[in-house]
Amino acid sequence: MNLSNVDLNLLKVFEALYIERNVTRAAVRLGIAQSSLSSSLKRLRELFHDELFVRSSKGMMPTKRALSIESNIIECLNSVREAIIVPQEFDPTSSTRTFVIGGSDFSAFTILPELIRFLRKTAPQMRLEMRPIPPNETIDYIEGGRVDFAISSENIHPKKIFRKLLFSEDMAVIVGRNNALHQPNKNLTLKKYAELQHIYITSKGEGEKMVDQVLKKNSLKREIYLTVQSFLIVPFIVENSDLIATVSERVATQCSQQSKLCIYPFPSKIEKNKFHILWGKSANSDQECQWLIDSIVDLLAMTDKPHA
């Protein structure tokens, strides 16, 4: 292929569609009309001899061919950006950038209150978007540029991903105060814990897996009565039922102040649930991104001493 006949701006269209999965949003991202983007997509398809993106109920989904070339195209564009951008001293007070942070509602619960308080003083024009990431797709979201960085408890160690430990969480069991199980000053045994009916929180990731591993080692198994994606509804269900849930210690402590809950330590030795902040190669050379990542790490270090 003769590169002199290729419009390299088409690669930016590919990148925008891959990230947004939506023609309208991709056009807005590039600052062009939707009709112009559709025309560029047609040229892209001709260039690669493939549909590249096909309509579905979930948006414009990449084809197998698009998935195979995505990392090369985005890496190429990032290399060009790094080469031509003249480094400037970063001033957070004047930054108007919007950062997209990937993570669960627990990640938002943990970092956003302190982070927003901090940014309102130090970077008042900066904006944030919290974007949920499906289980086991954290790396895809980071490498595909769909988030600037992510917060996850997944055990991730790929070579192209950078990470720092944010905090470690002990697990706690929450029980409604009107639950027959609740007996002040009495410990909860692992056997009794396994006999009860549980709420399973899918967004908790590694935390729920560790609970089941402990039970399995002790030849026990719990009964899952209800499975939910978000932990936010869990305290209210526990408060008004005989179900129990295993959550992070900080969630248990904060929710018990607003709901009629009692807290039990997890009834066995269990590894702490570790949460990391993760970012890719492009964010690693991005001065603004690194400033925000370092700020989050520092904020959590200051507020997390009781949980470390």
Protein backbone atom coordinates (compact mmCIF):
# COMPACT_ATOMS: atom_id res chain seq x y z
CA MET A 1 0.00 0.00 0.00
CA ASN A 2 1.27 3.48 -0.94
CA LEU A 3 0.92 5.69 2.16
CA SER A 4 0.86 8.81 -0.01
CA ASN A 5 -2.63 7.77 -1.09
CA VAL A 6 -3.87 7.27 2.49
CA ASP A 7 -5.55 10.05 4.49
CA LEU A 8 -4.13 9.51 7.97
CA ASN A 9 -7.05 11.45 9.46
CA LEU A 10 -9.09 8.34 8.78
CA LEU A 11 -7.20 6.66 11.61
CA LYS A 12 -8.58 9.28 13.99
CA VAL A 13 -12.07 8.39 12.80
CA PHE A 14 -11.35 4.72 13.50
CA GLU A 15 -10.11 5.61 17.00
CA ALA A 16 -13.17 7.75 17.80
CA LEU A 17 -15.60 5.07 16.63
CA TYR A 18 -13.75 2.38 18.53
CA ILE A 19 -13.91 4.40 21.75
CA GLU A 20 -17.45 5.77 21.47
CA ARG A 21 -19.20 2.90 19.60
CA ASN A 22 -21.62 5.56 18.35
CA VAL A 23 -21.47 7.66 15.15
CA THR A 24 -22.98 10.79 16.72
CA ARG A 25 -20.69 10.75 19.77
CA ALA A 26 -17.65 9.98 17.61
CA ALA A 27 -18.46 12.99 15.40
CA VAL A 28 -18.78 15.22 18.48
CA ARG A 29 -15.48 13.87 19.80
CA LEU A 30 -13.76 14.84 16.52
CA GLY A 31 -15.61 18.13 16.12
CA ILE A 32 -17.04 17.23 12.72
CA ALA A 33 -20.53 16.75 11.25
CA GLN A 34 -22.11 13.30 11.49
CA SER A 35 -22.37 13.18 7.70
CA SER A 36 -18.61 13.79 7.40
CA LEU A 37 -17.91 10.98 9.81
CA SER A 38 -20.19 8.61 7.88
CA SER A 39 -18.34 9.51 4.70
CA SER A 40 -14.99 8.85 6.41
CA LEU A 41 -16.26 5.50 7.67
CA LYS A 42 -17.13 4.54 4.10
CA ARG A 43 -13.55 5.38 3.03
CA LEU A 44 -12.15 3.42 5.98
CA ARG A 45 -14.12 0.36 4.93
CA GLU A 46 -12.78 0.66 1.41
CA LEU A 47 -9.23 1.10 2.70
CA PHE A 48 -9.34 -2.02 4.90
CA HIS A 49 -11.73 -4.05 2.74
CA ASP A 50 -13.89 -4.71 5.80
CA GLU A 51 -17.04 -3.31 7.46
CA LEU A 52 -14.92 -2.51 10.58
CA PHE A 53 -17.97 -1.38 12.61
CA VAL A 54 -21.47 -2.87 12.40
CA ARG A 55 -24.68 -1.66 13.99
CA SER A 56 -26.09 -3.63 16.93
CA SER A 57 -28.30 -3.07 19.95
CA LYS A 58 -25.14 -2.10 21.85
CA GLY A 59 -23.99 0.46 19.26
CA MET A 60 -21.39 0.30 16.50
CA MET A 61 -19.51 -2.87 17.38
CA PRO A 62 -16.03 -3.58 15.94
CA THR A 63 -15.58 -6.51 13.60
CA LYS A 64 -12.91 -9.16 14.04
CA ARG A 65 -10.71 -7.21 11.63
CA ALA A 66 -11.19 -3.97 13.59
CA LEU A 67 -10.28 -5.71 16.84
CA SER A 68 -7.10 -7.09 15.27
CA ILE A 69 -5.83 -3.67 14.12
CA GLU A 70 -7.11 -1.48 16.98
CA SER A 71 -4.02 -1.60 19.20
CA ASN A 72 -1.67 -0.81 16.28
CA ILE A 73 -3.76 2.17 15.12
CA ILE A 74 -4.18 3.71 18.56
CA GLU A 75 -0.50 3.17 19.42
CA CYS A 76 0.45 4.80 16.11
CA LEU A 77 -1.73 7.84 16.81
CA ASN A 78 -0.39 8.18 20.35
CA SER A 79 3.19 8.04 19.05
CA VAL A 80 2.44 10.85 16.58
CA ARG A 81 0.80 12.93 19.32
CA GLU A 82 3.81 12.48 21.62
CA ALA A 83 6.17 13.48 18.82
CA ILE A 84 4.45 16.73 17.83
CA ILE A 85 3.10 18.02 21.14
CA VAL A 86 5.41 20.58 22.74
CA PRO A 87 5.53 19.89 26.51
CA GLN A 88 4.16 22.75 28.58
CA GLU A 89 4.17 23.28 32.30
CA PHE A 90 0.87 21.85 33.55
CA ASP A 91 -1.29 24.23 35.58
CA PRO A 92 -4.24 22.38 37.19
CA THR A 93 -6.00 25.65 38.02
CA SER A 94 -6.59 26.36 34.32
CA SER A 95 -7.19 22.81 33.03
CA THR A 96 -10.59 22.33 31.36
CA ARG A 97 -10.04 18.68 30.50
CA THR A 98 -12.63 15.98 31.16
CA PHE A 99 -11.13 12.75 32.52
CA VAL A 100 -12.92 9.44 32.11
CA ILE A 101 -12.34 7.11 35.07
CA GLY A 102 -13.29 3.46 34.79
CA GLY A 103 -14.57 1.55 37.78
CA SER A 104 -17.47 0.18 39.78
CA ASP A 105 -19.88 2.08 41.98
CA PHE A 106 -17.67 1.06 44.90
CA SER A 107 -14.72 2.80 43.23
CA ALA A 108 -16.85 5.93 42.86
CA PHE A 109 -18.03 5.63 46.48
CA THR A 110 -14.43 5.37 47.65
CA ILE A 111 -12.66 8.09 45.68
CA LEU A 112 -15.17 10.66 44.44
CA PRO A 113 -16.16 12.51 47.66
CA GLU A 114 -12.57 13.35 48.61
CA LEU A 115 -11.42 13.79 45.01
CA ILE A 116 -14.19 16.26 44.13
CA ARG A 117 -13.54 18.24 47.31
CA PHE A 118 -9.86 18.41 46.33
CA LEU A 119 -10.47 19.30 42.67
CA ARG A 120 -12.97 22.05 43.46
CA LYS A 121 -10.10 23.85 45.19
CA THR A 122 -7.11 22.94 43.02
CA ALA A 123 -8.58 22.36 39.54
CA PRO A 124 -12.05 23.97 39.51
CA GLN A 125 -12.51 23.79 35.71
CA MET A 126 -11.53 20.12 35.40
CA ARG A 127 -14.39 17.67 34.82
CA LEU A 128 -14.83 13.96 35.56
CA GLU A 129 -16.85 11.13 34.06
CA MET A 130 -17.16 7.86 35.96
CA ARG A 131 -17.65 5.02 33.46
CA PRO A 132 -18.62 1.48 34.58
CA ILE A 133 -16.48 -1.35 33.21
CA PRO A 134 -17.89 -4.86 32.75
CA PRO A 135 -16.05 -7.61 34.68
CA ASN A 136 -12.78 -8.74 33.08
CA GLU A 137 -12.78 -5.91 30.51
CA THR A 138 -10.61 -3.41 32.38
CA ILE A 139 -7.56 -3.94 30.14
CA ASP A 140 -9.65 -3.58 26.97
CA TYR A 141 -11.10 -0.29 28.19
CA ILE A 142 -7.66 1.11 29.08
CA GLU A 143 -5.83 -0.03 25.95
CA GLY A 144 -8.75 0.99 23.74
CA GLY A 145 -8.74 4.53 25.14
CA ARG A 146 -12.29 4.24 26.44
CA VAL A 147 -11.10 5.38 29.87
CA ASP A 148 -8.06 7.46 30.89
CA PHE A 149 -7.40 5.13 33.80
CA ALA A 150 -9.31 2.68 35.97
CA ILE A 151 -9.72 1.52 39.55
CA SER A 152 -10.11 -2.21 40.03
CA SER A 153 -9.65 -5.10 42.43
CA GLU A 154 -9.01 -7.48 39.53
CA ASN A 155 -5.66 -9.26 39.74
CA ILE A 156 -4.14 -7.64 36.64
CA HIS A 157 -0.44 -7.82 35.70
CA PRO A 158 -0.08 -7.22 31.92
CA LYS A 159 3.22 -5.73 30.71
CA LYS A 160 1.66 -2.70 29.02
CA ILE A 161 -0.39 -1.64 32.05
CA PHE A 162 1.00 0.48 34.90
CA ARG A 163 -0.50 0.31 38.37
CA LYS A 164 -0.27 1.57 41.94
CA LEU A 165 -1.91 0.21 45.07
CA LEU A 166 -4.62 2.58 46.31
CA PHE A 167 -5.89 0.79 49.40
CA SER A 168 -6.58 -2.59 50.96
CA GLU A 169 -9.93 -3.48 52.45
CA ASP A 170 -10.93 -5.88 55.20
CA MET A 171 -14.23 -7.67 54.67
CA ALA A 172 -17.18 -7.30 57.03
CA VAL A 173 -20.60 -8.91 57.33
CA ILE A 174 -23.69 -6.71 57.61
CA VAL A 175 -26.87 -7.94 59.28
CA GLY A 176 -30.16 -6.15 59.95
CA ARG A 177 -30.62 -5.20 63.61
CA ASN A 178 -33.99 -6.93 63.61
CA ASN A 179 -32.51 -10.12 62.18
CA ALA A 180 -32.83 -13.10 64.55
CA LEU A 181 -29.13 -13.70 63.99
CA HIS A 182 -28.20 -10.44 65.69
CA GLN A 183 -27.07 -11.11 69.24
CA PRO A 184 -24.97 -8.32 70.77
CA ASN A 185 -21.50 -9.31 71.98
CA LYS A 186 -21.67 -12.71 70.23
CA ASN A 187 -19.30 -13.72 67.47
CA LEU A 188 -20.44 -15.03 64.10
CA THR A 189 -18.94 -18.42 63.28
CA LEU A 190 -17.98 -19.44 59.76
CA LYS A 191 -20.37 -22.41 59.94
CA LYS A 192 -23.29 -20.17 60.93
CA TYR A 193 -22.26 -17.67 58.23
CA ALA A 194 -22.41 -20.37 55.54
CA GLU A 195 -25.87 -21.55 56.73
CA LEU A 196 -27.45 -18.12 56.15
CA GLN A 197 -28.82 -16.75 52.89
CA HIS A 198 -26.60 -14.22 51.15
CA ILE A 199 -26.63 -11.30 48.75
CA TYR A 200 -23.91 -11.64 46.10
CA ILE A 201 -22.52 -8.40 44.64
CA THR A 202 -21.07 -8.95 41.18
CA SER A 203 -19.29 -5.58 41.00
CA LYS A 204 -17.20 -6.55 44.05
CA GLY A 205 -15.05 -8.76 41.85
CA GLU A 206 -12.19 -10.37 43.75
CA GLY A 207 -13.87 -9.82 47.15
CA GLU A 208 -16.70 -12.29 46.53
CA LYS A 209 -14.26 -14.80 45.00
CA MET A 210 -12.07 -14.68 48.12
CA VAL A 211 -15.10 -15.34 50.35
CA ASP A 212 -16.02 -18.46 48.39
CA GLN A 213 -12.41 -19.67 48.42
CA VAL A 214 -12.31 -19.46 52.23
CA LEU A 215 -15.58 -21.39 52.51
CA LYS A 216 -14.36 -24.05 50.08
CA LYS A 217 -11.15 -24.57 52.09
CA ASN A 218 -13.35 -25.24 55.13
CA SER A 219 -15.64 -27.61 53.18
CA LEU A 220 -18.48 -25.10 53.34
CA LYS A 221 -20.67 -23.42 50.77
CA ARG A 222 -23.08 -20.51 51.12
CA GLU A 223 -26.52 -20.15 49.55
CA ILE A 224 -26.87 -17.12 47.30
CA TYR A 225 -30.44 -15.86 47.56
CA LEU A 226 -30.03 -12.62 45.61
CA THR A 227 -27.43 -11.45 43.07
CA VAL A 228 -27.07 -7.72 42.38
CA GLN A 229 -24.62 -5.66 40.37
CA SER A 230 -24.45 -2.61 42.62
CA PHE A 231 -23.69 -2.57 46.33
CA LEU A 232 -25.70 0.65 46.85
CA ILE A 233 -29.05 -1.12 47.30
CA VAL A 234 -27.63 -3.87 49.53
CA PRO A 235 -27.77 -2.11 52.95
CA PHE A 236 -31.46 -1.30 52.47
CA ILE A 237 -32.29 -4.90 51.55
CA VAL A 238 -30.31 -6.26 54.51
CA GLU A 239 -31.97 -3.78 56.88
CA ASN A 240 -35.44 -5.02 55.90
CA SER A 241 -34.86 -8.76 55.50
CA ASP A 242 -33.13 -11.76 57.02
CA LEU A 243 -30.48 -11.77 54.27
CA ILE A 244 -26.85 -10.94 55.00
CA ALA A 245 -24.10 -9.49 52.83
CA THR A 246 -20.32 -9.39 52.88
CA VAL A 247 -18.99 -5.96 52.00
CA SER A 248 -15.89 -3.86 52.49
CA GLU A 249 -15.30 -2.57 56.00
CA ARG A 250 -15.62 1.07 54.93
CA VAL A 251 -18.97 0.42 53.23
CA ALA A 252 -20.25 -1.40 56.31
CA THR A 253 -19.13 1.38 58.64
CA GLN A 254 -20.61 4.22 56.58
CA CYS A 255 -23.88 2.45 55.80
CA SER A 256 -24.43 1.43 59.43
CA GLN A 257 -24.56 5.14 60.30
CA GLN A 258 -27.54 5.63 58.00
CA SER A 259 -29.32 2.25 58.20
CA LYS A 260 -30.32 -0.12 61.00
CA LEU A 261 -27.41 -2.50 60.51
CA CYS A 262 -24.96 -4.29 62.74
CA ILE A 263 -21.48 -5.25 61.63
CA TYR A 264 -19.60 -8.49 62.23
CA PRO A 265 -15.98 -9.12 61.31
CA PHE A 266 -15.67 -11.77 58.62
CA PRO A 267 -15.62 -15.02 60.66
CA SER A 268 -12.32 -16.36 59.33
CA LYS A 269 -8.90 -15.19 58.24
CA ILE A 270 -9.24 -13.74 54.75
CA GLU A 271 -6.90 -11.83 52.48
CA LYS A 272 -7.50 -8.11 52.21
CA ASN A 273 -9.24 -7.00 49.02
CA LYS A 274 -6.67 -4.84 47.19
CA PHE A 275 -7.66 -2.00 44.89
CA HIS A 276 -5.24 -0.58 42.32
CA ILE A 277 -5.30 2.38 40.00
CA LEU A 278 -4.33 1.24 36.50
CA TRP A 279 -3.33 3.15 33.37
CA GLY A 280 -1.82 2.53 29.94
CA LYS A 281 1.13 3.75 27.92
CA SER A 282 -0.57 6.91 26.63
CA ALA A 283 -1.58 8.04 30.13
CA ASN A 284 1.92 7.31 31.38
CA SER A 285 3.33 10.07 29.16
CA ASP A 286 0.38 12.41 29.79
CA GLN A 287 1.34 15.12 32.28
CA GLU A 288 -2.24 15.98 33.23
CA CYS A 289 -3.23 12.35 33.63
CA GLN A 290 -0.24 11.62 35.84
CA TRP A 291 -1.05 14.63 38.00
CA LEU A 292 -4.59 13.34 38.59
CA ILE A 293 -3.42 9.76 39.22
CA ASP A 294 -0.81 10.96 41.75
CA SER A 295 -3.42 13.18 43.40
CA ILE A 296 -5.80 10.23 43.84
CA VAL A 297 -3.00 8.05 45.28
CA ASP A 298 -2.04 10.81 47.73
CA LEU A 299 -5.65 11.47 48.76
CA LEU A 300 -6.30 7.80 49.48
CA ALA A 301 -3.04 7.55 51.43
CA MET A 302 -4.21 10.40 53.69
CA THR A 303 -7.74 9.08 54.26
CA ASP A 304 -7.08 5.33 54.30
CA LYS A 305 -4.83 4.81 57.32
CA PRO A 306 -7.50 3.01 59.40
CA HIS A 307 -8.04 0.56 56.49
CA ALA A 308 -4.45 -0.01 55.33
